[in-house]
Amino acid sequence: MRQVERVAPDMSYTRPVQAVAACLGSPRPVANPQHRLDVRGLRTPILLSNALHDPASGYDWATNVSRQLGREGVLLTYEGAGHGSYGRSDCTQGTIDRYLIDLEVPARGTSCPAVAPTT
């Protein structure tokens, strides 16, 4: 953890996550191990949203989940950085709001451009 802090001081909040992850499976096996998703027969596909440059949950994780969901899910990509994409731009917030309020599912491959952070 000290090495992570030296190499990436702006990522120091990951320490608790690393500490928890290091203990997984110890001293007993995990009661709910990871497994492939099994989602079938939904009326409305699941909306998954992820930033392309998310420091906490990598974009490759989102694309993996999206692949597992298949037709049962749609990935909305925010082309910027940050953890969490809701509220990052009018595009992401509007797309997610339309999904939650009206069950309007965006087209596959929908992405929202990055927006410069406000100070």
Protein backbone atom coordinates (compact mmCIF):
# COMPACT_ATOMS: atom_id res chain seq x y z
CA MET A 1 0.00 0.00 0.00
CA ARG A 2 2.93 2.33 0.64
CA GLN A 3 4.21 1.61 -2.85
CA VAL A 4 0.77 2.43 -4.32
CA GLU A 5 0.76 5.70 -2.42
CA ARG A 6 4.23 6.59 -3.76
CA VAL A 7 3.41 5.64 -7.35
CA ALA A 8 -0.13 7.06 -7.41
CA PRO A 9 -0.67 9.46 -4.48
CA ASP A 10 -4.00 10.60 -5.89
CA MET A 11 -5.32 7.05 -5.54
CA SER A 12 -4.78 6.66 -1.79
CA TYR A 13 -8.48 6.00 -1.20
CA THR A 14 -7.97 2.56 -2.73
CA ARG A 15 -6.15 1.38 0.41
CA PRO A 16 -9.28 0.11 2.16
CA VAL A 17 -10.34 -1.70 -1.01
CA GLN A 18 -6.95 -3.37 -1.30
CA ALA A 19 -7.03 -4.35 2.36
CA VAL A 20 -10.44 -6.00 1.97
CA ALA A 21 -9.45 -7.71 -1.28
CA ALA A 22 -6.30 -9.12 0.31
CA CYS A 23 -8.43 -10.87 2.92
CA LEU A 24 -10.91 -12.49 0.56
CA GLY A 25 -10.99 -16.23 1.06
CA SER A 26 -9.03 -16.08 4.28
CA PRO A 27 -9.26 -17.92 6.58
CA ARG A 28 -12.32 -19.57 5.02
CA PRO A 29 -13.47 -19.90 1.41
CA VAL A 30 -15.72 -17.14 0.10
CA ALA A 31 -19.39 -18.03 0.68
CA ASN A 32 -20.52 -16.39 -2.57
CA PRO A 33 -17.71 -16.86 -5.14
CA GLN A 34 -17.76 -14.99 -8.43
CA HIS A 35 -19.59 -16.69 -11.27
CA ARG A 36 -20.82 -15.93 -14.74
CA LEU A 37 -24.02 -13.91 -14.81
CA ASP A 38 -27.23 -15.75 -15.60
CA VAL A 39 -29.82 -13.17 -16.60
CA ARG A 40 -32.67 -14.18 -18.90
CA GLY A 41 -36.12 -13.07 -19.90
CA LEU A 42 -36.11 -9.44 -18.84
CA ARG A 43 -38.77 -7.10 -20.26
CA THR A 44 -36.29 -4.22 -20.25
CA PRO A 45 -32.55 -4.76 -20.63
CA ILE A 46 -30.30 -3.75 -17.74
CA LEU A 47 -28.52 -0.43 -18.28
CA LEU A 48 -24.85 -0.56 -17.32
CA SER A 49 -22.93 2.72 -17.27
CA ASN A 50 -19.17 3.14 -16.91
CA ALA A 51 -16.53 5.77 -17.59
CA LEU A 52 -13.85 4.81 -20.07
CA HIS A 53 -11.18 5.94 -17.59
CA ASP A 54 -12.67 4.86 -14.26
CA PRO A 55 -9.89 4.45 -11.67
CA ALA A 56 -11.97 2.22 -9.38
CA SER A 57 -13.95 -0.07 -11.68
CA GLY A 58 -12.11 -0.47 -14.95
CA TYR A 59 -13.85 -0.23 -18.27
CA ASP A 60 -12.75 -3.76 -19.12
CA TRP A 61 -14.87 -4.97 -16.19
CA ALA A 62 -17.89 -3.18 -17.64
CA THR A 63 -17.36 -4.67 -21.09
CA ASN A 64 -17.03 -8.11 -19.50
CA VAL A 65 -20.33 -7.68 -17.66
CA SER A 66 -21.92 -6.35 -20.85
CA ARG A 67 -20.76 -9.44 -22.77
CA GLN A 68 -22.21 -11.70 -20.08
CA LEU A 69 -25.53 -9.86 -20.16
CA GLY A 70 -25.78 -10.19 -23.94
CA ARG A 71 -29.21 -9.04 -25.18
CA GLU A 72 -30.28 -8.58 -21.55
CA GLY A 73 -28.06 -5.52 -21.09
CA VAL A 74 -26.77 -2.33 -22.71
CA LEU A 75 -23.52 -0.55 -21.84
CA LEU A 76 -23.53 3.27 -21.82
CA THR A 77 -19.96 4.58 -22.11
CA TYR A 78 -18.84 7.92 -20.69
CA GLU A 79 -15.70 8.78 -22.67
CA GLY A 80 -14.12 10.66 -19.76
CA ALA A 81 -12.55 9.89 -16.41
CA GLY A 82 -13.90 9.40 -12.92
CA HIS A 83 -15.70 6.84 -10.84
CA GLY A 84 -19.41 6.88 -11.51
CA SER A 85 -20.83 8.35 -14.68
CA TYR A 86 -24.23 9.65 -13.56
CA GLY A 87 -24.08 13.43 -13.43
CA ARG A 88 -20.74 13.63 -15.28
CA SER A 89 -22.48 15.21 -18.27
CA ASP A 90 -25.92 16.15 -19.50
CA CYS A 91 -25.64 13.20 -21.89
CA THR A 92 -24.99 10.55 -19.22
CA GLN A 93 -27.49 11.98 -16.78
CA GLY A 94 -30.18 12.39 -19.45
CA THR A 95 -29.66 8.89 -20.83
CA ILE A 96 -29.79 7.31 -17.38
CA ASP A 97 -32.80 9.42 -16.34
CA ARG A 98 -34.73 8.39 -19.48
CA TYR A 99 -33.96 4.76 -18.68
CA LEU A 100 -35.04 5.02 -15.03
CA ILE A 101 -38.11 7.17 -15.61
CA ASP A 102 -39.41 6.00 -18.99
CA LEU A 103 -37.62 2.64 -19.43
CA GLU A 104 -36.10 4.08 -22.63
CA VAL A 105 -33.13 1.86 -23.44
CA PRO A 106 -30.29 3.54 -25.35
CA ALA A 107 -28.99 1.91 -28.51
CA ARG A 108 -26.10 -0.50 -28.15
CA GLY A 109 -22.80 1.32 -28.45
CA THR A 110 -24.17 4.60 -27.09
CA SER A 111 -21.46 6.80 -25.66
CA CYS A 112 -21.29 10.28 -24.18
CA PRO A 113 -18.34 12.60 -24.81
CA ALA A 114 -16.11 13.64 -21.94
CA VAL A 115 -16.83 17.01 -20.38
CA ALA A 116 -14.15 19.17 -18.81
CA PRO A 117 -14.59 19.26 -15.02
CA THR A 118 -15.87 22.51 -13.55
CA THR A 119 -13.93 24.19 -10.79
